């Protein structure tokens, strides 16, 4: 039933989700054609441009940038928006600066139910950080996060690797053999066409999002 002031959408229209993360890929965003060739002891593009590689020399997949076009594909991540959010510490949901205070930068991760005291000293993640309002919204809206999540304040973090298509030598052109996460200091990184950055989170504390939302801000 519609409440007062609401209008019924035209027949045939599809209601868009209320919360679509900035890093989510949209159905109209396509992988762009690029021939993968041998280059620099690994792979490159036949028509390679300077912006095809990041500051670490890693080759990145080419994808069109059409946010909001089509429908959101929540299981897919837009490579360049994920990379931008991770390197600039932007909220993965709204692209504003991630929340940061004296206790560190805020991350929210899906968690498989393990007790916090069983966690390792560092955590690898391809999820960029978040701002506090989006963190609260996300754990309510995302079915996965509603089941299990953990919020972290991270004091120290560093880019650790990339996730993408790992190629192997073949004739006449290299062939994608697997999807893998590869460390930046691993020689195999020269054979990866990256799709996501991986961050190593260190020296972190687990926090209560509800308490974070009401504490005084500096």
Protein backbone atom coordinates (compact mmCIF):
# COMPACT_ATOMS: atom_id res chain seq x y z
CA UNK A 1 0.00 0.00 0.00
CA UNK A 2 1.26 3.46 -0.89
CA UNK A 3 1.44 6.02 1.89
CA UNK A 4 0.38 9.64 1.52
CA UNK A 5 2.68 11.56 -0.79
CA UNK A 6 4.03 8.46 -2.55
CA UNK A 7 3.53 7.93 -6.25
CA UNK A 8 3.16 4.59 -7.91
CA UNK A 9 6.02 4.00 -10.38
CA UNK A 10 5.05 3.57 -14.04
CA UNK A 11 4.32 0.02 -15.14
CA UNK A 12 7.40 -1.78 -16.38
CA UNK A 13 9.89 0.24 -14.36
CA UNK A 14 12.33 -1.43 -11.99
CA UNK A 15 12.90 0.13 -8.57
CA UNK A 16 16.60 0.72 -7.97
CA UNK A 17 18.17 -0.44 -4.71
CA UNK A 18 18.50 2.27 -2.08
CA UNK A 19 22.15 1.47 -1.43
CA UNK A 20 24.59 0.79 -4.28
CA UNK A 21 28.27 0.92 -3.27
CA UNK A 22 30.58 3.17 -5.27
CA UNK A 23 32.80 0.21 -6.16
CA UNK A 24 29.93 -1.92 -7.50
CA UNK A 25 29.97 -2.63 -11.21
CA UNK A 26 26.92 -1.77 -13.34
CA UNK A 27 25.55 -3.94 -16.12
CA UNK A 28 26.38 -1.40 -18.85
CA UNK A 29 30.05 -1.31 -17.83
CA UNK A 30 32.00 -3.64 -20.08
CA UNK A 31 35.46 -5.13 -20.23
CA UNK A 32 37.24 -3.35 -23.07
CA UNK A 33 39.04 -5.28 -25.77
CA UNK A 34 42.80 -5.33 -25.40
CA UNK A 35 45.21 -7.89 -26.84
CA UNK A 36 47.50 -9.29 -24.15
CA UNK A 37 51.11 -9.79 -25.35
CA UNK A 38 54.54 -10.51 -23.88
CA UNK A 39 56.17 -7.44 -22.36
CA UNK A 40 58.69 -6.58 -19.62
CA UNK A 41 59.22 -10.20 -18.65
CA UNK A 42 55.49 -10.69 -18.24
CA UNK A 43 52.36 -9.40 -19.95
CA UNK A 44 51.21 -6.10 -21.41
CA UNK A 45 48.85 -4.73 -24.01
CA UNK A 46 49.69 -4.50 -27.70
CA UNK A 47 48.53 -0.86 -27.64
CA UNK A 48 49.57 -0.18 -24.04
CA UNK A 49 49.19 3.31 -22.60
CA UNK A 50 50.83 4.84 -19.53
CA UNK A 51 47.59 4.67 -17.52
CA UNK A 52 47.28 0.91 -18.06
CA UNK A 53 49.77 0.35 -15.23
CA UNK A 54 49.78 1.60 -11.67
CA UNK A 55 52.71 3.09 -9.75
CA UNK A 56 53.96 -0.43 -8.97
CA UNK A 57 54.09 -1.34 -12.66
CA UNK A 58 51.12 -3.72 -12.42
CA UNK A 59 48.96 -4.08 -15.52
CA UNK A 60 45.25 -3.35 -14.95
CA UNK A 61 42.20 -4.57 -16.80
CA UNK A 62 40.42 -2.09 -19.02
CA UNK A 63 36.76 -1.47 -18.24
CA UNK A 64 34.32 1.24 -19.26
CA UNK A 65 33.18 3.75 -16.62
CA UNK A 66 29.40 4.16 -16.66
CA UNK A 67 28.21 4.24 -13.04
CA UNK A 68 24.43 4.22 -12.73
CA UNK A 69 23.88 2.79 -16.20
CA UNK A 70 21.84 -0.39 -16.29
CA UNK A 71 21.48 -2.36 -13.07
CA UNK A 72 23.97 -2.81 -10.23
CA UNK A 73 25.81 -6.14 -10.25
CA UNK A 74 26.49 -6.58 -6.56
CA UNK A 75 28.72 -9.62 -7.03
CA UNK A 76 31.13 -7.68 -9.25
CA UNK A 77 33.60 -4.89 -8.48
CA UNK A 78 34.60 -2.09 -10.83
CA UNK A 79 38.38 -2.36 -11.02
CA UNK A 80 39.31 1.32 -11.28
CA UNK A 81 36.80 2.54 -8.67
CA UNK A 82 37.97 -0.12 -6.22
CA UNK A 83 41.58 0.88 -6.88
CA UNK A 84 40.77 4.58 -6.39
CA UNK A 85 38.89 3.94 -3.14
CA UNK A 86 41.69 1.77 -1.75
CA UNK A 87 44.61 4.03 -2.63
CA UNK A 88 42.86 7.24 -1.55
CA UNK A 89 41.15 5.74 1.51
CA UNK A 90 37.67 6.58 0.25
CA UNK A 91 34.47 5.01 1.50
CA UNK A 92 33.66 2.05 -0.73
CA UNK A 93 29.96 2.96 -0.55
CA UNK A 94 29.74 6.74 -1.09
CA UNK A 95 33.33 7.66 -2.15
CA UNK A 96 33.66 10.29 0.60
CA UNK A 97 36.79 10.10 2.78
CA UNK A 98 36.72 7.05 5.01
CA UNK A 99 36.18 7.60 8.72
CA UNK A 100 39.44 8.17 10.59
CA UNK A 101 40.10 9.17 14.18
CA UNK A 102 42.81 8.68 16.79
CA UNK A 103 42.05 4.94 16.85
CA UNK A 104 42.55 4.46 13.11
CA UNK A 105 40.70 4.11 9.82
CA UNK A 106 37.35 2.31 9.82
CA UNK A 107 36.94 -0.99 7.94
CA UNK A 108 33.92 -3.30 7.97
CA UNK A 109 34.54 -6.88 6.87
CA UNK A 110 32.31 -9.87 6.34
CA UNK A 111 33.26 -12.46 8.95
CA UNK A 112 32.74 -16.21 8.96
CA UNK A 113 31.85 -16.59 12.60
CA UNK A 114 35.35 -17.14 14.03
CA UNK A 115 35.91 -15.64 17.46
CA UNK A 116 37.89 -12.38 17.34
CA UNK A 117 40.63 -13.83 19.57
CA UNK A 118 41.40 -16.43 16.88
CA UNK A 119 42.22 -13.79 14.26
CA UNK A 120 45.79 -13.47 12.95
CA UNK A 121 47.93 -10.43 13.64
CA UNK A 122 47.22 -9.08 10.16
CA UNK A 123 44.35 -9.41 7.70
CA UNK A 124 44.35 -9.25 3.90
CA UNK A 125 41.30 -7.68 2.27
CA UNK A 126 40.19 -6.34 -1.10
CA UNK A 127 37.45 -4.27 0.57
CA UNK A 128 38.20 -0.54 0.84
CA UNK A 129 37.41 1.30 4.09
CA UNK A 130 34.12 3.02 4.90
CA UNK A 131 32.72 6.16 6.45
CA UNK A 132 30.72 5.70 9.65
CA UNK A 133 27.22 6.49 8.25
CA UNK A 134 27.71 4.06 5.36
CA UNK A 135 29.08 1.40 7.71
CA UNK A 136 25.90 1.53 9.77
CA UNK A 137 23.69 1.45 6.66
CA UNK A 138 25.65 -1.40 5.10
CA UNK A 139 25.39 -3.83 8.00
CA UNK A 140 21.63 -3.31 7.96
CA UNK A 141 21.14 -3.50 4.20
CA UNK A 142 23.61 -6.16 3.06
CA UNK A 143 22.35 -9.74 3.59
CA UNK A 144 25.90 -11.05 3.98
CA UNK A 145 26.90 -8.46 6.57
CA UNK A 146 23.65 -8.95 8.49
CA UNK A 147 24.76 -12.53 9.14
CA UNK A 148 28.32 -11.83 10.32
CA UNK A 149 30.52 -8.76 10.23
CA UNK A 150 33.33 -7.17 12.17
CA UNK A 151 34.20 -3.47 12.39
CA UNK A 152 37.86 -2.55 12.76
CA UNK A 153 39.81 0.57 13.59
CA UNK A 154 43.11 0.07 11.79
CA UNK A 155 46.27 1.87 12.89
CA UNK A 156 48.64 0.53 10.26
CA UNK A 157 47.93 -0.76 6.77
CA UNK A 158 49.78 -1.15 3.49
CA UNK A 159 49.07 -2.25 -0.05
CA UNK A 160 50.06 -5.91 -0.24
CA UNK A 161 49.04 -7.27 -3.64
CA UNK A 162 46.49 -7.52 -6.41
CA UNK A 163 43.74 -9.92 -7.37
CA UNK A 164 43.11 -10.64 -11.03
CA UNK A 165 43.68 -12.91 -14.01
CA UNK A 166 46.99 -14.78 -13.81
CA UNK A 167 48.48 -15.54 -17.25
CA UNK A 168 50.92 -18.21 -18.39
CA UNK A 169 53.25 -18.30 -21.41
CA UNK A 170 51.71 -19.76 -24.59
CA UNK A 171 52.16 -19.40 -28.33
CA UNK A 172 51.49 -16.98 -29.93
CA UNK A 173 50.01 -15.03 -26.99
CA UNK A 174 49.90 -15.49 -23.20
CA UNK A 175 46.80 -17.27 -21.90
CA UNK A 176 44.78 -16.54 -18.75
CA UNK A 177 45.03 -19.65 -16.58
CA UNK A 178 43.48 -18.73 -13.24
CA UNK A 179 42.15 -15.98 -10.99
CA UNK A 180 44.52 -15.38 -8.10
CA UNK A 181 45.74 -12.99 -5.45
CA UNK A 182 49.44 -12.20 -5.91
CA UNK A 183 51.73 -10.21 -3.62
CA UNK A 184 53.39 -7.11 -5.03
CA UNK A 185 56.83 -8.60 -4.33
CA UNK A 186 55.98 -11.89 -6.05
CA UNK A 187 57.59 -12.24 -9.52
CA UNK A 188 54.27 -13.58 -10.80
CA UNK A 189 52.75 -10.11 -10.42
CA UNK A 190 54.23 -9.32 -13.86
CA UNK A 191 51.84 -11.96 -15.24
CA UNK A 192 48.66 -10.59 -13.64
CA UNK A 193 45.98 -8.44 -15.25
CA UNK A 194 44.72 -6.86 -12.05
CA UNK A 195 41.12 -6.24 -11.09
CA UNK A 196 41.39 -5.36 -7.39
CA UNK A 197 43.96 -4.10 -4.93
CA UNK A 198 44.63 -6.07 -1.74
CA UNK A 199 45.40 -4.23 1.50
CA UNK A 200 47.16 -5.70 4.54
CA UNK A 201 45.55 -4.49 7.78
CA UNK A 202 47.83 -4.46 10.83
CA UNK A 203 47.63 -3.21 14.41
CA UNK A 204 43.84 -3.03 14.53
CA UNK A 205 41.17 -3.11 17.21
CA UNK A 206 37.65 -4.48 16.93
CA UNK A 207 34.98 -1.86 17.68
CA UNK A 208 31.23 -1.72 18.22
CA UNK A 209 29.57 0.22 15.39
CA UNK A 210 26.67 1.24 17.61
CA UNK A 211 29.06 2.73 20.14
CA UNK A 212 31.07 4.39 17.37
CA UNK A 213 27.95 6.13 16.16
CA UNK A 214 27.24 7.88 19.46
CA UNK A 215 30.74 8.69 20.71
CA UNK A 216 31.92 12.33 20.47
CA UNK A 217 33.82 13.05 17.26
CA UNK A 218 37.15 14.88 17.39
